[in-house]
C-alpha atoms as a PDB file:
ATOM      1  CA  MET A   1      99.589  94.026  86.119  1.00  0.00           C
ATOM      2  CA  LYS A   2      97.495  95.795  88.711  1.00  0.00           C
ATOM      3  CA  SER A   3      95.371  98.750  87.674  1.00  0.00           C
ATOM      4  CA  ILE A   4      96.293 102.161  89.072  1.00  0.00           C
ATOM      5  CA  ASP A   5      93.628 104.802  89.568  1.00  0.00           C
ATOM      6  CA  PRO A   6      94.365 107.780  87.253  1.00  0.00           C
ATOM      7  CA  ARG A   7      93.589 110.159  90.141  1.00  0.00           C
ATOM      8  CA  HIS A   8      96.868 109.115  91.799  1.00  0.00           C
ATOM      9  CA  TYR A   9      98.780 110.740  88.950  1.00  0.00           C
ATOM     10  CA  ASP A  10      96.945 114.028  89.642  1.00  0.00           C
ATOM     11  CA  VAL A  11      97.873 114.043  93.356  1.00  0.00           C
ATOM     12  CA  ILE A  12     101.649 113.701  92.869  1.00  0.00           C
ATOM     13  CA  VAL A  13     102.894 116.492  90.578  1.00  0.00           C
ATOM     14  CA  SER A  14     106.659 115.864  90.619  1.00  0.00           C
ATOM     15  CA  PRO A  15     109.543 114.859  92.861  1.00  0.00           C
ATOM     16  CA  VAL A  16     111.668 117.603  94.401  1.00  0.00           C
ATOM     17  CA  VAL A  17     115.373 117.213  93.694  1.00  0.00           C
ATOM     18  CA  THR A  18     117.283 119.653  95.885  1.00  0.00           C
ATOM     19  CA  GLU A  19     120.252 119.357  98.181  1.00  0.00           C
ATOM     20  CA  LYS A  20     117.986 119.251 101.229  1.00  0.00           C
ATOM     21  CA  ALA A  21     115.707 116.598  99.658  1.00  0.00           C
ATOM     22  CA  THR A  22     118.736 114.497  98.728  1.00  0.00           C
ATOM     23  CA  MET A  23     120.023 114.628 102.309  1.00  0.00           C
ATOM     24  CA  ALA A  24     116.554 113.613 103.561  1.00  0.00           C
ATOM     25  CA  SER A  25     116.608 110.557 101.276  1.00  0.00           C
ATOM     26  CA  GLU A  26     119.397 109.132 103.454  1.00  0.00           C
ATOM     27  CA  HIS A  27     116.806 108.910 106.251  1.00  0.00           C
ATOM     28  CA  ASN A  28     114.103 107.136 104.166  1.00  0.00           C
ATOM     29  CA  LYS A  29     112.328 110.393 103.254  1.00  0.00           C
ATOM     30  CA  VAL A  30     111.203 111.533  99.813  1.00  0.00           C
ATOM     31  CA  VAL A  31     109.909 115.014  98.924  1.00  0.00           C
ATOM     32  CA  PHE A  32     107.190 115.567  96.298  1.00  0.00           C
ATOM     33  CA  LYS A  33     105.333 118.563  94.896  1.00  0.00           C
ATOM     34  CA  VAL A  34     101.651 117.743  95.320  1.00  0.00           C
ATOM     35  CA  GLN A  35      98.319 119.179  94.256  1.00  0.00           C
ATOM     36  CA  SER A  36      97.296 122.122  96.452  1.00  0.00           C
ATOM     37  CA  GLY A  37      94.051 120.450  97.575  1.00  0.00           C
ATOM     38  CA  ALA A  38      95.571 117.030  98.314  1.00  0.00           C
ATOM     39  CA  THR A  39      95.161 115.607 101.813  1.00  0.00           C
ATOM     40  CA  LYS A  40      97.638 113.445 103.721  1.00  0.00           C
ATOM     41  CA  PRO A  41      95.600 110.218 103.247  1.00  0.00           C
ATOM     42  CA  GLN A  42      95.346 110.892  99.493  1.00  0.00           C
ATOM     43  CA  ILE A  43      99.103 111.502  99.246  1.00  0.00           C
ATOM     44  CA  LYS A  44      99.859 108.343 101.229  1.00  0.00           C
ATOM     45  CA  GLU A  45      97.591 106.202  99.045  1.00  0.00           C
ATOM     46  CA  ALA A  46      98.982 107.684  95.810  1.00  0.00           C
ATOM     47  CA  VAL A  47     102.629 107.070  96.791  1.00  0.00           C
ATOM     48  CA  GLU A  48     101.886 103.506  97.946  1.00  0.00           C
ATOM     49  CA  LYS A  49     100.041 102.628  94.721  1.00  0.00           C
ATOM     50  CA  LEU A  50     102.381 104.376  92.246  1.00  0.00           C
ATOM     51  CA  PHE A  51     105.721 103.291  93.718  1.00  0.00           C
ATOM     52  CA  ASP A  52     104.661  99.997  95.429  1.00  0.00           C
ATOM     53  CA  VAL A  53     106.144 100.975  98.818  1.00  0.00           C
ATOM     54  CA  LYS A  54     104.860 101.194 102.393  1.00  0.00           C
ATOM     55  CA  VAL A  55     104.472 104.745 103.776  1.00  0.00           C
ATOM     56  CA  LYS A  56     105.096 105.403 107.466  1.00  0.00           C
ATOM     57  CA  SER A  57     104.002 109.066 107.616  1.00  0.00           C
ATOM     58  CA  VAL A  58     103.292 112.132 105.502  1.00  0.00           C
ATOM     59  CA  ASN A  59     104.097 115.731 106.452  1.00  0.00           C
ATOM     60  CA  THR A  60     102.915 118.603 104.273  1.00  0.00           C
ATOM     61  CA  LEU A  61     103.923 122.240 103.915  1.00  0.00           C
ATOM     62  CA  VAL A  62     102.986 125.140 101.685  1.00  0.00           C
ATOM     63  CA  ARG A  63     105.905 127.148 100.342  1.00  0.00           C
ATOM     64  CA  LYS A  64     104.698 130.685  99.750  1.00  0.00           C
ATOM     65  CA  GLY A  65     105.403 132.241  96.358  1.00  0.00           C
ATOM     66  CA  LYS A  66     108.035 134.943  96.148  1.00  0.00           C
ATOM     67  CA  SER A  67     107.302 138.524  95.082  1.00  0.00           C
ATOM     68  CA  LYS A  68     109.202 139.457  91.948  1.00  0.00           C
ATOM     69  CA  SER A  69     109.721 142.645  89.933  1.00  0.00           C
ATOM     70  CA  PHE A  70     110.425 142.548  86.210  1.00  0.00           C
ATOM     71  CA  ARG A  71     110.908 145.860  84.364  1.00  0.00           C
ATOM     72  CA  GLY A  72     108.782 147.714  86.905  1.00  0.00           C
ATOM     73  CA  THR A  73     105.928 145.183  86.846  1.00  0.00           C
ATOM     74  CA  PHE A  74     105.349 143.443  90.145  1.00  0.00           C
ATOM     75  CA  GLY A  75     104.052 139.905  90.400  1.00  0.00           C
ATOM     76  CA  THR A  76     103.949 136.912  92.700  1.00  0.00           C
ATOM     77  CA  GLN A  77     104.972 133.350  91.994  1.00  0.00           C
ATOM     78  CA  SER A  78     102.430 130.653  92.803  1.00  0.00           C
ATOM     79  CA  ASP A  79     102.372 128.916  96.185  1.00  0.00           C
ATOM     80  CA  VAL A  80     103.624 125.314  96.085  1.00  0.00           C
ATOM     81  CA  LYS A  81     102.437 122.491  98.347  1.00  0.00           C
ATOM     82  CA  ARG A  82     105.073 119.887  99.193  1.00  0.00           C
ATOM     83  CA  ALA A  83     104.844 116.552 100.953  1.00  0.00           C
ATOM     84  CA  VAL A  84     107.671 114.915 102.893  1.00  0.00           C
ATOM     85  CA  VAL A  85     106.924 111.190 102.775  1.00  0.00           C
ATOM     86  CA  THR A  86     108.651 108.927 105.306  1.00  0.00           C
ATOM     87  CA  LEU A  87     108.932 105.312 104.135  1.00  0.00           C
ATOM     88  CA  GLU A  88     108.982 102.138 106.221  1.00  0.00           C
ATOM     89  CA  GLU A  89     112.327 100.411 106.767  1.00  0.00           C
ATOM     90  CA  GLY A  90     113.423  98.392 103.754  1.00  0.00           C
ATOM     91  CA  HIS A  91     111.483 100.477 101.208  1.00  0.00           C
ATOM     92  CA  ARG A  92     113.160 102.986  98.877  1.00  0.00           C
ATOM     93  CA  ILE A  93     112.199 105.303  96.041  1.00  0.00           C
ATOM     94  CA  ASP A  94     114.899 106.493  93.641  1.00  0.00           C
ATOM     95  CA  VAL A  95     113.446 109.701  92.164  1.00  0.00           C
ATOM     96  CA  THR A  96     116.401 110.219  89.849  1.00  0.00           C
ATOM     97  CA  THR A  97     115.364 107.279  87.616  1.00  0.00           C
ATOM     98  CA  GLY A  98     111.662 108.271  87.261  1.00  0.00           C
ATOM     99  CA  LEU A  99     108.629 105.978  87.184  1.00  0.00           C
END
């Protein structure tokens, strides 16, 4: 069994399971929540090592946190960085089964 660097587990926080992410999976794309300081090369390396797939490209976005009011107290949810990972042909990740 090959050794996996523990830092890879810190880069990928969790998969995103939404209707839009599910539709993207039909086109060999997988969406992950990632660490806010993670770079595209770090995300690519982490996905390749953890899931044993070949990554074609990585696109990132930061989803701004929403402003909320609860009983007169205002607050803001945290910003979330997401990565849309496009896989090479023939490679798949099924996020519904887990690691």
